N, C-alpha and C. Protein backbone atom coordinates (compact mmCIF):
# COMPACT_ATOMS: atom_id res chain seq x y z
N MET A 1 0.84 -1.18 0.00
CA MET A 1 0.00 0.00 0.00
C MET A 1 0.88 1.25 0.00
N LEU A 2 0.58 2.16 -0.89
CA LEU A 2 1.35 3.39 -0.98
C LEU A 2 0.83 4.43 -0.01
N ASP A 3 1.76 5.11 0.63
CA ASP A 3 1.35 6.22 1.50
C ASP A 3 1.56 7.54 0.75
N ASP A 4 1.08 8.62 1.35
CA ASP A 4 1.17 9.94 0.71
C ASP A 4 2.61 10.32 0.39
N LYS A 5 3.51 10.06 1.32
CA LYS A 5 4.91 10.46 1.14
C LYS A 5 5.51 9.75 -0.08
N THR A 6 5.23 8.48 -0.24
CA THR A 6 5.74 7.72 -1.38
C THR A 6 5.15 8.23 -2.69
N MET A 7 3.86 8.52 -2.69
CA MET A 7 3.22 9.02 -3.91
C MET A 7 3.77 10.38 -4.31
N VAL A 8 4.01 11.26 -3.34
CA VAL A 8 4.57 12.58 -3.63
C VAL A 8 5.99 12.43 -4.18
N ALA A 9 6.78 11.56 -3.56
CA ALA A 9 8.16 11.34 -4.02
C ALA A 9 8.17 10.77 -5.44
N ASP A 10 7.30 9.80 -5.70
CA ASP A 10 7.23 9.21 -7.05
C ASP A 10 6.81 10.25 -8.08
N THR A 11 5.85 11.08 -7.71
CA THR A 11 5.38 12.13 -8.63
C THR A 11 6.50 13.12 -8.93
N LEU A 12 7.22 13.53 -7.90
CA LEU A 12 8.34 14.46 -8.12
C LEU A 12 9.40 13.84 -9.02
N MET A 13 9.70 12.57 -8.82
CA MET A 13 10.70 11.90 -9.67
C MET A 13 10.22 11.88 -11.12
N GLY A 14 8.94 11.62 -11.33
CA GLY A 14 8.40 11.61 -12.68
C GLY A 14 8.46 12.97 -13.34
N VAL A 15 8.08 14.00 -12.61
CA VAL A 15 8.10 15.36 -13.15
C VAL A 15 9.54 15.77 -13.44
N ASN A 16 10.46 15.44 -12.55
CA ASN A 16 11.87 15.79 -12.77
C ASN A 16 12.41 15.08 -14.02
N SER A 17 11.97 13.86 -14.24
CA SER A 17 12.37 13.12 -15.44
C SER A 17 11.84 13.81 -16.70
N GLU A 18 10.60 14.28 -16.64
CA GLU A 18 10.04 14.99 -17.78
C GLU A 18 10.80 16.29 -18.05
N LEU A 19 11.18 17.00 -16.98
CA LEU A 19 11.94 18.23 -17.16
C LEU A 19 13.27 17.94 -17.86
N LYS A 20 13.92 16.87 -17.47
CA LYS A 20 15.18 16.49 -18.11
C LYS A 20 14.94 16.17 -19.58
N MET A 21 13.85 15.46 -19.85
CA MET A 21 13.53 15.11 -21.23
C MET A 21 13.35 16.37 -22.09
N PHE A 22 12.59 17.35 -21.57
CA PHE A 22 12.40 18.59 -22.32
C PHE A 22 13.73 19.31 -22.50
N GLY A 23 14.56 19.30 -21.47
CA GLY A 23 15.87 19.94 -21.56
C GLY A 23 16.74 19.32 -22.63
N ASP A 24 16.57 18.02 -22.85
CA ASP A 24 17.33 17.33 -23.88
C ASP A 24 16.75 17.59 -25.27
N MET A 25 15.43 17.68 -25.36
CA MET A 25 14.76 17.80 -26.66
C MET A 25 14.82 19.21 -27.25
N ILE A 26 14.66 20.22 -26.41
CA ILE A 26 14.53 21.59 -26.92
C ILE A 26 15.73 22.03 -27.77
N PRO A 27 16.96 21.86 -27.30
CA PRO A 27 18.08 22.34 -28.12
C PRO A 27 18.30 21.51 -29.39
N GLN A 28 17.71 20.34 -29.48
CA GLN A 28 17.90 19.49 -30.65
C GLN A 28 16.82 19.69 -31.71
N THR A 29 15.85 20.54 -31.41
CA THR A 29 14.73 20.76 -32.31
C THR A 29 14.99 21.96 -33.21
N GLU A 30 14.85 21.75 -34.51
CA GLU A 30 15.07 22.84 -35.46
C GLU A 30 13.80 23.61 -35.78
N CYS A 31 12.65 22.98 -35.67
CA CYS A 31 11.39 23.60 -36.01
C CYS A 31 11.00 24.63 -34.93
N PRO A 32 10.91 25.92 -35.28
CA PRO A 32 10.61 26.95 -34.28
C PRO A 32 9.28 26.72 -33.55
N GLU A 33 8.26 26.26 -34.29
CA GLU A 33 6.96 26.04 -33.66
C GLU A 33 7.03 24.91 -32.63
N LEU A 34 7.71 23.83 -33.00
CA LEU A 34 7.86 22.71 -32.06
C LEU A 34 8.70 23.13 -30.85
N LYS A 35 9.76 23.87 -31.10
CA LYS A 35 10.60 24.34 -30.01
C LYS A 35 9.80 25.19 -29.04
N SER A 36 8.96 26.08 -29.58
CA SER A 36 8.13 26.94 -28.75
C SER A 36 7.14 26.11 -27.92
N LYS A 37 6.52 25.11 -28.54
CA LYS A 37 5.55 24.26 -27.85
C LYS A 37 6.24 23.45 -26.75
N LEU A 38 7.43 22.93 -27.03
CA LEU A 38 8.17 22.18 -26.02
C LEU A 38 8.55 23.07 -24.84
N LYS A 39 8.89 24.31 -25.11
CA LYS A 39 9.19 25.26 -24.04
C LYS A 39 7.96 25.53 -23.18
N GLN A 40 6.79 25.63 -23.83
CA GLN A 40 5.55 25.81 -23.07
C GLN A 40 5.30 24.61 -22.16
N PHE A 41 5.48 23.40 -22.71
CA PHE A 41 5.30 22.19 -21.91
C PHE A 41 6.29 22.16 -20.74
N ARG A 42 7.54 22.54 -21.02
CA ARG A 42 8.56 22.56 -19.96
C ARG A 42 8.17 23.56 -18.86
N ASN A 43 7.69 24.74 -19.26
CA ASN A 43 7.30 25.74 -18.27
C ASN A 43 6.14 25.25 -17.40
N GLN A 44 5.17 24.59 -18.02
CA GLN A 44 4.05 24.03 -17.26
C GLN A 44 4.54 22.94 -16.31
N CYS A 45 5.47 22.15 -16.79
CA CYS A 45 6.04 21.07 -15.98
C CYS A 45 6.80 21.66 -14.79
N GLU A 46 7.53 22.75 -15.01
CA GLU A 46 8.25 23.41 -13.92
C GLU A 46 7.28 23.96 -12.88
N GLN A 47 6.15 24.49 -13.33
CA GLN A 47 5.15 24.99 -12.38
C GLN A 47 4.59 23.84 -11.55
N SER A 48 4.31 22.72 -12.20
CA SER A 48 3.82 21.54 -11.47
C SER A 48 4.85 21.05 -10.47
N GLN A 49 6.10 21.03 -10.90
CA GLN A 49 7.17 20.57 -10.01
C GLN A 49 7.25 21.46 -8.77
N GLU A 50 7.13 22.76 -8.95
CA GLU A 50 7.19 23.69 -7.83
C GLU A 50 6.02 23.48 -6.88
N GLU A 51 4.83 23.27 -7.42
CA GLU A 51 3.65 23.03 -6.58
C GLU A 51 3.80 21.75 -5.77
N ILE A 52 4.26 20.70 -6.41
CA ILE A 52 4.45 19.42 -5.71
C ILE A 52 5.55 19.55 -4.66
N TYR A 53 6.62 20.26 -5.01
CA TYR A 53 7.71 20.49 -4.06
C TYR A 53 7.19 21.23 -2.81
N GLN A 54 6.36 22.24 -3.02
CA GLN A 54 5.82 23.00 -1.88
C GLN A 54 4.94 22.11 -1.00
N ILE A 55 4.17 21.24 -1.62
CA ILE A 55 3.37 20.29 -0.84
C ILE A 55 4.28 19.38 -0.02
N ALA A 56 5.31 18.85 -0.66
CA ALA A 56 6.26 17.97 0.04
C ALA A 56 6.92 18.69 1.21
N ARG A 57 7.32 19.93 1.00
CA ARG A 57 7.94 20.71 2.09
C ARG A 57 6.95 20.96 3.21
N SER A 58 5.71 21.31 2.87
CA SER A 58 4.72 21.65 3.90
C SER A 58 4.38 20.45 4.77
N LYS A 59 4.49 19.26 4.21
CA LYS A 59 4.17 18.05 4.97
C LYS A 59 5.43 17.39 5.54
N SER A 60 6.57 18.06 5.39
CA SER A 60 7.87 17.55 5.85
C SER A 60 8.25 16.24 5.19
N TYR A 61 7.76 16.03 3.96
CA TYR A 61 8.18 14.86 3.19
C TYR A 61 9.55 15.10 2.57
N TYR A 62 9.89 16.36 2.43
CA TYR A 62 11.17 16.74 1.84
C TYR A 62 11.76 17.85 2.68
N VAL A 63 12.99 17.65 3.08
CA VAL A 63 13.72 18.68 3.84
C VAL A 63 14.95 19.02 3.01
N PRO A 64 15.04 20.26 2.52
CA PRO A 64 16.18 20.62 1.67
C PRO A 64 17.48 20.65 2.46
N ALA A 65 18.55 20.52 1.73
CA ALA A 65 19.88 20.60 2.34
C ALA A 65 20.09 21.99 2.90
N ALA A 66 21.00 22.09 3.85
CA ALA A 66 21.34 23.39 4.43
C ALA A 66 21.91 24.29 3.34
N GLN A 67 21.64 25.58 3.48
CA GLN A 67 22.14 26.54 2.50
C GLN A 67 23.67 26.61 2.59
N ALA A 68 24.29 26.74 1.43
CA ALA A 68 25.74 26.82 1.37
C ALA A 68 26.24 28.10 2.05
N THR A 69 27.41 27.99 2.64
CA THR A 69 28.03 29.16 3.26
C THR A 69 28.63 30.05 2.17
N GLU A 70 28.94 31.27 2.52
CA GLU A 70 29.56 32.20 1.57
C GLU A 70 30.89 31.62 1.07
N GLU A 71 31.64 31.01 1.97
CA GLU A 71 32.93 30.41 1.59
C GLU A 71 32.72 29.28 0.57
N GLU A 72 31.72 28.45 0.77
CA GLU A 72 31.44 27.37 -0.16
C GLU A 72 31.03 27.91 -1.53
N MET A 73 30.22 28.96 -1.53
CA MET A 73 29.79 29.55 -2.79
C MET A 73 30.99 30.16 -3.54
N GLN A 74 31.85 30.84 -2.80
CA GLN A 74 33.03 31.43 -3.44
C GLN A 74 33.94 30.36 -4.02
N HIS A 75 34.06 29.25 -3.31
CA HIS A 75 34.89 28.14 -3.81
C HIS A 75 34.34 27.62 -5.14
N VAL A 76 33.05 27.40 -5.22
CA VAL A 76 32.44 26.90 -6.44
C VAL A 76 32.59 27.92 -7.57
N LYS A 77 32.38 29.20 -7.25
CA LYS A 77 32.56 30.24 -8.27
C LYS A 77 33.98 30.24 -8.81
N SER A 78 34.94 30.04 -7.92
CA SER A 78 36.35 30.05 -8.35
C SER A 78 36.67 28.89 -9.28
N LEU A 79 35.93 27.81 -9.17
CA LEU A 79 36.15 26.66 -10.06
C LEU A 79 35.77 26.97 -11.50
N PHE A 80 34.87 27.94 -11.68
CA PHE A 80 34.38 28.25 -13.01
C PHE A 80 34.89 29.58 -13.56
N SER A 81 35.83 30.18 -12.89
CA SER A 81 36.35 31.45 -13.41
C SER A 81 37.81 31.37 -13.73
């Protein structure tokens, strides 16, 4: 039997997979109309992902990692400059 936490986690994984799929498809598409439609789908998917994420946070199904320190952020920035 599935509980709410498992269903929310499964849904988030599915939505995240769809976002990755759109991210892979959009730059490979030459047709402007198709590219535009895929971007619309991706944006709707991102909105759904945010809504599900907020539900997961509100029910304590998901606890985000601690925010990075300024030193950690500077270190990462230095890796790319």
